[in-house]
Amino acid sequence: FCTELETLPINSRPMGLQETDDEGNLWFISSDDSNKNFEIKEDRRVQLFFMNNSDYQYLSVFGEATVYKDKATIEDKWSSMA
């Protein structure tokens, strides 16, 4: 999960994908005070990298992120794995 794409080196961190919804949105869970949330408020552009090493498959996704603070949305997406 990469943010601040115009700043080198690019801020990146491993994250686990929580859910992909019917509209193709990718959902991640993070702490309210995480740096990435502050970075997304400044610039919504993000890049994601996924890999499946066993099959040598790699995927790069570029898009815009939104930070949700709505408790109903958070409860809907939350799981014990998060």
C-alpha atoms as a PDB file:
ATOM      1  CA  PHE A   1       0.000   0.000   0.000  1.00  0.00           C
ATOM      2  CA  CYS A   2       1.851   3.088  -1.267  1.00  0.00           C
ATOM      3  CA  THR A   3       1.065   6.743  -0.586  1.00  0.00           C
ATOM      4  CA  GLU A   4       2.730  10.094  -1.348  1.00  0.00           C
ATOM      5  CA  LEU A   5       3.557   8.881  -4.853  1.00  0.00           C
ATOM      6  CA  GLU A   6       5.428  12.053  -5.833  1.00  0.00           C
ATOM      7  CA  THR A   7       7.817  11.859  -2.858  1.00  0.00           C
ATOM      8  CA  LEU A   8      10.893   9.647  -3.100  1.00  0.00           C
ATOM      9  CA  PRO A   9      11.261   7.196  -1.640  1.00  0.00           C
ATOM     10  CA  ILE A  10       7.565   6.324  -1.897  1.00  0.00           C
ATOM     11  CA  ASN A  11       5.924   5.519   1.435  1.00  0.00           C
ATOM     12  CA  SER A  12       4.907   1.891   1.346  1.00  0.00           C
ATOM     13  CA  ARG A  13       3.778  -0.655   3.867  1.00  0.00           C
ATOM     14  CA  PRO A  14       2.420  -4.195   3.752  1.00  0.00           C
ATOM     15  CA  MET A  15      -1.290  -4.494   4.422  1.00  0.00           C
ATOM     16  CA  GLY A  16      -3.828  -7.265   4.216  1.00  0.00           C
ATOM     17  CA  LEU A  17      -6.790  -6.807   1.908  1.00  0.00           C
ATOM     18  CA  GLN A  18      -9.931  -6.954   4.055  1.00  0.00           C
ATOM     19  CA  GLU A  19     -12.548  -7.214   1.334  1.00  0.00           C
ATOM     20  CA  THR A  20     -13.326  -6.594  -2.323  1.00  0.00           C
ATOM     21  CA  ASP A  21     -16.939  -5.510  -2.714  1.00  0.00           C
ATOM     22  CA  ASP A  22     -19.360  -6.023  -5.621  1.00  0.00           C
ATOM     23  CA  GLU A  23     -18.332  -2.672  -7.134  1.00  0.00           C
ATOM     24  CA  GLY A  24     -14.644  -3.626  -7.176  1.00  0.00           C
ATOM     25  CA  ASN A  25     -13.666  -1.419  -4.225  1.00  0.00           C
ATOM     26  CA  LEU A  26     -10.760  -2.741  -2.175  1.00  0.00           C
ATOM     27  CA  TRP A  27     -11.167  -2.378   1.592  1.00  0.00           C
ATOM     28  CA  PHE A  28      -8.366  -2.177   4.162  1.00  0.00           C
ATOM     29  CA  ILE A  29      -8.556  -1.672   7.934  1.00  0.00           C
ATOM     30  CA  SER A  30      -6.120   0.713   9.616  1.00  0.00           C
ATOM     31  CA  SER A  31      -5.757   2.614  12.841  1.00  0.00           C
ATOM     32  CA  ASP A  32      -7.445   6.018  12.918  1.00  0.00           C
ATOM     33  CA  ASP A  33      -4.146   7.744  13.662  1.00  0.00           C
ATOM     34  CA  SER A  34      -1.986   5.907  11.106  1.00  0.00           C
ATOM     35  CA  ASN A  35       0.354   7.974   8.953  1.00  0.00           C
ATOM     36  CA  LYS A  36      -1.218   6.618   5.776  1.00  0.00           C
ATOM     37  CA  ASN A  37      -4.565   8.172   6.718  1.00  0.00           C
ATOM     38  CA  PHE A  38      -2.933  11.586   7.094  1.00  0.00           C
ATOM     39  CA  GLU A  39      -1.129  11.085   3.790  1.00  0.00           C
ATOM     40  CA  ILE A  40      -4.377  10.106   2.026  1.00  0.00           C
ATOM     41  CA  LYS A  41      -6.034  13.298   3.284  1.00  0.00           C
ATOM     42  CA  GLU A  42      -3.288  15.285   1.514  1.00  0.00           C
ATOM     43  CA  ASP A  43      -3.240  13.215  -1.690  1.00  0.00           C
ATOM     44  CA  ARG A  44      -5.805  10.475  -2.368  1.00  0.00           C
ATOM     45  CA  ARG A  45      -3.712   8.753  -5.056  1.00  0.00           C
ATOM     46  CA  VAL A  46      -2.396   5.364  -3.965  1.00  0.00           C
ATOM     47  CA  GLN A  47      -0.739   2.381  -5.571  1.00  0.00           C
ATOM     48  CA  LEU A  48      -1.149  -1.205  -4.430  1.00  0.00           C
ATOM     49  CA  PHE A  49       1.099  -4.149  -5.200  1.00  0.00           C
ATOM     50  CA  PHE A  50      -0.111  -7.736  -4.916  1.00  0.00           C
ATOM     51  CA  MET A  51       1.876 -10.886  -5.474  1.00  0.00           C
ATOM     52  CA  ASN A  52       1.365 -14.603  -5.737  1.00  0.00           C
ATOM     53  CA  ASN A  53       4.913 -15.884  -5.549  1.00  0.00           C
ATOM     54  CA  SER A  54       4.007 -19.533  -6.013  1.00  0.00           C
ATOM     55  CA  ASP A  55       2.666 -18.804  -9.528  1.00  0.00           C
ATOM     56  CA  TYR A  56       4.919 -15.804 -10.295  1.00  0.00           C
ATOM     57  CA  GLN A  57       1.873 -13.546 -10.587  1.00  0.00           C
ATOM     58  CA  TYR A  58       2.099  -9.844  -9.786  1.00  0.00           C
ATOM     59  CA  LEU A  59      -0.456  -7.049  -9.957  1.00  0.00           C
ATOM     60  CA  SER A  60      -0.140  -3.291  -9.597  1.00  0.00           C
ATOM     61  CA  VAL A  61      -3.275  -1.217  -8.985  1.00  0.00           C
ATOM     62  CA  PHE A  62      -3.394   2.589  -9.092  1.00  0.00           C
ATOM     63  CA  GLY A  63      -6.386   4.514  -7.758  1.00  0.00           C
ATOM     64  CA  GLU A  64      -7.799   6.915  -5.199  1.00  0.00           C
ATOM     65  CA  ALA A  65      -8.308   6.087  -1.537  1.00  0.00           C
ATOM     66  CA  THR A  66     -10.939   7.328   0.879  1.00  0.00           C
ATOM     67  CA  VAL A  67     -10.704   7.145   4.665  1.00  0.00           C
ATOM     68  CA  TYR A  68     -14.014   6.153   6.231  1.00  0.00           C
ATOM     69  CA  LYS A  69     -14.739   7.069   9.839  1.00  0.00           C
ATOM     70  CA  ASP A  70     -18.406   6.091   9.744  1.00  0.00           C
ATOM     71  CA  LYS A  71     -18.917   3.577  12.571  1.00  0.00           C
ATOM     72  CA  ALA A  72     -21.520   1.574  10.643  1.00  0.00           C
ATOM     73  CA  THR A  73     -19.113   1.130   7.711  1.00  0.00           C
ATOM     74  CA  ILE A  74     -16.272   0.165  10.047  1.00  0.00           C
ATOM     75  CA  GLU A  75     -18.426  -2.394  11.871  1.00  0.00           C
ATOM     76  CA  ASP A  76     -19.596  -3.829   8.555  1.00  0.00           C
ATOM     77  CA  LYS A  77     -16.004  -4.311   7.309  1.00  0.00           C
ATOM     78  CA  TRP A  78     -14.469  -5.365  10.632  1.00  0.00           C
ATOM     79  CA  SER A  79     -13.529  -8.960  11.364  1.00  0.00           C
ATOM     80  CA  SER A  80     -11.476 -10.640  14.075  1.00  0.00           C
ATOM     81  CA  MET A  81      -8.669 -11.043  11.510  1.00  0.00           C
ATOM     82  CA  ALA A  82      -8.514  -7.248  11.079  1.00  0.00           C
END
